[in-house]
């Protein structure tokens, strides 16, 4: 009996609301990753991207985001 569990590939992308971060998040989602996209302003994400509000300059904001994931 095989007791291996399927591996879920997860990636966390900062700056996922625009530009390079958004493009990277979209590509990871297309490749089958579970994608958490972080942005200072919470906005709707692209298909397959779970967007959360995060300001990497704030330790408290980072703690909240990590707890959410």
Protein backbone atom coordinates (compact mmCIF):
# COMPACT_ATOMS: atom_id res chain seq x y z
CA UNK A 1 0.00 0.00 0.00
CA UNK A 2 1.37 3.40 -0.99
CA UNK A 3 1.07 5.89 1.88
CA UNK A 4 2.46 8.87 0.00
CA UNK A 5 0.26 11.93 -0.03
CA UNK A 6 0.03 14.11 -3.11
CA UNK A 7 2.37 17.09 -2.97
CA UNK A 8 0.81 20.51 -3.37
CA UNK A 9 3.23 23.01 -4.81
CA UNK A 10 2.73 26.39 -3.16
CA UNK A 11 4.25 29.74 -4.06
CA UNK A 12 3.93 33.11 -2.35
CA UNK A 13 4.36 36.12 -4.68
CA UNK A 14 4.76 39.66 -3.36
CA UNK A 15 3.65 42.55 -5.55
CA UNK A 16 1.04 40.32 -7.18
CA UNK A 17 -1.41 43.09 -8.03
CA UNK A 18 0.54 44.49 -10.98
CA UNK A 19 3.59 44.28 -13.19
CA UNK A 20 6.12 41.47 -12.86
CA UNK A 21 4.57 40.15 -9.64
CA UNK A 22 1.18 39.77 -11.28
CA UNK A 23 2.68 38.08 -14.34
CA UNK A 24 4.68 35.68 -12.15
CA UNK A 25 1.63 34.80 -10.04
CA UNK A 26 -0.41 34.13 -13.17
CA UNK A 27 2.29 31.87 -14.67
CA UNK A 28 2.67 29.86 -11.46
CA UNK A 29 -1.12 29.36 -11.33
CA UNK A 30 -1.13 28.20 -14.96
CA UNK A 31 1.63 25.70 -14.07
CA UNK A 32 -0.54 24.16 -11.35
CA UNK A 33 0.87 25.80 -8.25
CA UNK A 34 -1.34 26.99 -5.40
CA UNK A 35 -0.58 30.71 -5.51
CA UNK A 36 -0.87 33.24 -2.71
CA UNK A 37 -0.44 36.75 -4.06
CA UNK A 38 0.43 39.57 -1.71
CA UNK A 39 -0.31 43.22 -2.31
CA UNK A 40 -0.44 46.36 -0.15
CA UNK A 41 -3.98 46.97 -1.41
CA UNK A 42 -6.21 43.91 -1.53
CA UNK A 43 -7.58 43.59 -5.05
CA UNK A 44 -9.21 40.82 -7.03
CA UNK A 45 -6.66 38.35 -8.29
CA UNK A 46 -6.35 36.50 -11.54
CA UNK A 47 -7.86 33.05 -11.83
CA UNK A 48 -6.05 30.65 -9.52
CA UNK A 49 -4.42 33.38 -7.42
CA UNK A 50 -5.51 33.87 -3.81
CA UNK A 51 -4.80 37.54 -3.08
CA UNK A 52 -4.12 38.82 0.42
CA UNK A 53 -3.23 42.23 1.78
CA UNK A 54 0.39 42.43 2.93
CA UNK A 55 2.86 45.24 3.47
CA UNK A 56 6.32 43.63 3.65
CA UNK A 57 7.61 46.71 5.50
CA UNK A 58 5.43 45.82 8.50
CA UNK A 59 6.34 42.85 10.71
CA UNK A 60 2.76 42.69 12.01
CA UNK A 61 1.38 42.59 8.47
CA UNK A 62 3.76 39.72 7.62
CA UNK A 63 2.71 37.77 10.75
CA UNK A 64 -0.98 38.13 9.83
CA UNK A 65 -0.34 36.96 6.26
CA UNK A 66 1.65 33.93 7.39
CA UNK A 67 -1.08 32.97 9.87
CA UNK A 68 -3.66 33.26 7.07
CA UNK A 69 -1.75 30.90 4.79
